[in-house]
N, C-alpha and C. Protein backbone atom coordinates (compact mmCIF):
# COMPACT_ATOMS: atom_id res chain seq x y z
N MET A 1 74.56 105.39 129.67
CA MET A 1 75.45 105.07 128.51
C MET A 1 75.80 103.60 128.59
N LYS A 2 75.62 102.92 127.52
CA LYS A 2 76.09 101.48 127.45
C LYS A 2 77.54 101.45 126.92
N VAL A 3 78.35 100.71 127.59
CA VAL A 3 79.79 100.56 127.18
C VAL A 3 80.07 99.02 126.97
N LYS A 4 80.87 98.79 126.02
CA LYS A 4 81.26 97.41 125.71
C LYS A 4 82.71 97.22 126.15
N CYS A 5 82.93 96.25 127.00
CA CYS A 5 84.31 95.99 127.46
C CYS A 5 85.19 95.57 126.30
N PRO A 6 86.38 96.23 126.11
CA PRO A 6 87.20 95.90 124.99
C PRO A 6 87.87 94.55 125.21
N LYS A 7 87.86 93.94 126.33
CA LYS A 7 88.58 92.69 126.55
C LYS A 7 87.62 91.47 126.33
N CYS A 8 86.48 91.45 127.08
CA CYS A 8 85.56 90.36 127.03
C CYS A 8 84.33 90.56 126.18
N GLY A 9 84.08 91.85 125.86
CA GLY A 9 82.89 92.09 125.04
C GLY A 9 81.60 92.29 125.78
N LYS A 10 81.68 92.08 127.10
CA LYS A 10 80.44 92.29 127.94
C LYS A 10 79.99 93.74 127.84
N GLU A 11 78.70 93.90 127.66
CA GLU A 11 78.10 95.27 127.65
C GLU A 11 77.62 95.57 129.06
N TYR A 12 77.97 96.74 129.52
CA TYR A 12 77.48 97.16 130.83
C TYR A 12 77.09 98.68 130.80
N GLU A 13 76.29 99.02 131.81
CA GLU A 13 75.70 100.33 131.89
C GLU A 13 76.59 101.27 132.74
N PHE A 14 76.89 102.44 132.31
CA PHE A 14 77.61 103.43 133.06
C PHE A 14 76.87 104.72 132.92
N ASP A 15 76.45 105.27 134.11
CA ASP A 15 75.70 106.56 134.10
C ASP A 15 76.64 107.67 134.58
N ARG A 16 77.12 108.43 133.63
CA ARG A 16 78.12 109.50 133.94
C ARG A 16 77.48 110.60 134.81
N GLU A 17 76.16 110.86 134.69
CA GLU A 17 75.53 111.89 135.55
C GLU A 17 75.45 111.38 136.96
N LYS A 18 75.15 110.14 137.14
CA LYS A 18 74.98 109.57 138.50
C LYS A 18 76.38 109.36 139.19
N ASN A 19 77.32 108.89 138.45
CA ASN A 19 78.62 108.57 139.04
C ASN A 19 79.61 109.66 138.54
N LYS A 20 80.03 110.55 139.40
CA LYS A 20 80.87 111.66 138.94
C LYS A 20 82.24 111.24 138.57
N LYS A 21 82.73 110.16 139.18
CA LYS A 21 84.08 109.68 138.79
C LYS A 21 84.02 108.51 137.99
N MET A 22 84.96 108.33 137.04
CA MET A 22 85.01 107.11 136.23
C MET A 22 85.56 105.98 137.06
N PRO A 23 85.05 104.74 136.88
CA PRO A 23 85.56 103.63 137.65
C PRO A 23 87.14 103.41 137.36
N SER A 24 87.77 102.95 138.31
CA SER A 24 89.30 102.79 138.10
C SER A 24 89.60 101.85 137.01
N PHE A 25 88.66 100.93 136.67
CA PHE A 25 88.88 99.98 135.62
C PHE A 25 88.29 100.35 134.29
N PHE A 26 87.73 101.56 134.16
CA PHE A 26 87.13 102.03 132.89
C PHE A 26 88.17 102.07 131.81
N PRO A 27 87.94 101.65 130.55
CA PRO A 27 86.70 101.23 129.92
C PRO A 27 86.38 99.75 130.02
N PHE A 28 87.11 99.01 130.86
CA PHE A 28 86.87 97.58 131.04
C PHE A 28 85.66 97.36 131.96
N CYS A 29 85.02 96.21 131.95
CA CYS A 29 83.89 95.92 132.79
C CYS A 29 84.24 95.56 134.24
N SER A 30 85.51 95.22 134.40
CA SER A 30 86.01 94.87 135.82
C SER A 30 87.47 94.99 135.87
N GLN A 31 87.99 94.93 137.16
CA GLN A 31 89.37 94.99 137.42
C GLN A 31 90.10 93.78 136.78
N ARG A 32 89.40 92.64 136.71
CA ARG A 32 89.93 91.42 136.18
C ARG A 32 90.28 91.62 134.71
N CYS A 33 89.36 92.19 133.93
CA CYS A 33 89.56 92.41 132.52
C CYS A 33 90.67 93.42 132.26
N LYS A 34 90.72 94.40 133.11
CA LYS A 34 91.81 95.37 133.07
C LYS A 34 93.18 94.69 133.24
N LEU A 35 93.31 93.76 134.24
CA LEU A 35 94.54 93.15 134.53
C LEU A 35 94.91 92.16 133.42
N ILE A 36 93.94 91.48 132.85
CA ILE A 36 94.21 90.57 131.77
C ILE A 36 94.77 91.34 130.52
N ASP A 37 94.18 92.47 130.21
CA ASP A 37 94.70 93.33 129.18
C ASP A 37 96.06 93.86 129.43
N LEU A 38 96.35 94.24 130.67
CA LEU A 38 97.71 94.68 131.03
C LEU A 38 98.73 93.58 130.88
N GLY A 39 98.33 92.36 131.28
CA GLY A 39 99.19 91.18 131.06
C GLY A 39 99.49 90.96 129.59
N ALA A 40 98.55 91.14 128.74
CA ALA A 40 98.75 90.95 127.29
C ALA A 40 99.81 91.94 126.80
N TRP A 41 99.69 93.26 127.30
CA TRP A 41 100.65 94.25 126.87
C TRP A 41 102.09 93.88 127.35
N LEU A 42 102.13 93.43 128.65
CA LEU A 42 103.43 93.13 129.22
C LEU A 42 104.09 91.83 128.55
N ASP A 43 103.24 90.95 128.04
CA ASP A 43 103.72 89.72 127.36
C ASP A 43 104.13 90.03 125.85
N GLY A 44 103.81 91.24 125.42
CA GLY A 44 104.10 91.61 124.02
C GLY A 44 103.11 91.05 123.03
N ASP A 45 101.97 90.79 123.48
CA ASP A 45 100.90 90.29 122.61
C ASP A 45 100.39 91.35 121.62
N TYR A 46 100.51 92.65 122.04
CA TYR A 46 100.11 93.72 121.23
C TYR A 46 101.32 94.34 120.59
N LYS A 47 101.35 94.51 119.29
CA LYS A 47 102.53 95.13 118.69
C LYS A 47 102.13 95.82 117.36
N ILE A 48 102.93 96.74 116.98
CA ILE A 48 102.75 97.41 115.68
C ILE A 48 103.64 96.72 114.68
N GLU A 49 103.12 96.04 113.70
CA GLU A 49 103.91 95.24 112.83
C GLU A 49 104.30 95.93 111.52
N SER A 50 103.71 97.12 111.28
CA SER A 50 104.17 97.80 110.05
C SER A 50 105.37 98.68 110.40
N PRO A 51 106.33 98.83 109.47
CA PRO A 51 107.52 99.61 109.70
C PRO A 51 107.11 101.09 109.77
N LEU A 52 107.95 101.86 110.52
CA LEU A 52 107.75 103.32 110.58
C LEU A 52 108.07 103.97 109.21
N LYS A 53 107.33 104.92 108.84
CA LYS A 53 107.68 105.71 107.64
C LYS A 53 108.55 106.85 108.04
N PRO A 54 109.45 107.26 107.14
CA PRO A 54 110.40 108.33 107.49
C PRO A 54 109.70 109.61 107.97
N GLU A 55 108.59 109.92 107.43
CA GLU A 55 107.90 111.16 107.82
C GLU A 55 107.33 111.02 109.20
N ASN A 56 107.27 109.89 109.83
CA ASN A 56 106.71 109.68 111.20
C ASN A 56 107.81 109.66 112.23
N THR A 57 109.09 109.89 111.89
CA THR A 57 110.15 109.79 112.89
C THR A 57 110.51 111.19 113.32
N GLU A 58 111.21 111.31 114.42
CA GLU A 58 111.59 112.60 114.93
C GLU A 58 112.66 113.27 113.99
N ASP A 59 113.57 112.43 113.40
CA ASP A 59 114.59 112.99 112.55
C ASP A 59 114.05 113.67 111.26
N SER A 60 112.84 113.28 110.81
CA SER A 60 112.31 113.86 109.54
C SER A 60 111.88 115.33 109.76
N SER A 61 111.73 115.82 110.99
CA SER A 61 111.27 117.18 111.21
C SER A 61 112.48 118.20 110.99
N GLN A 62 113.61 117.76 110.82
CA GLN A 62 114.81 118.63 110.66
C GLN A 62 115.06 119.06 109.24
């Protein structure tokens, strides 16, 4: 199976039949890309900018 790293875009091969366990950095191509992505989350680079709709909140189920 060919997988594309969500951080750097590098395409790499992953054989699920041959490797029974997923790599610890999956779906990234390396631990480095995984840590760069984690840093982006911690810095607040990723955010949801649209406001929540009332039907998507916990209070709307009552």
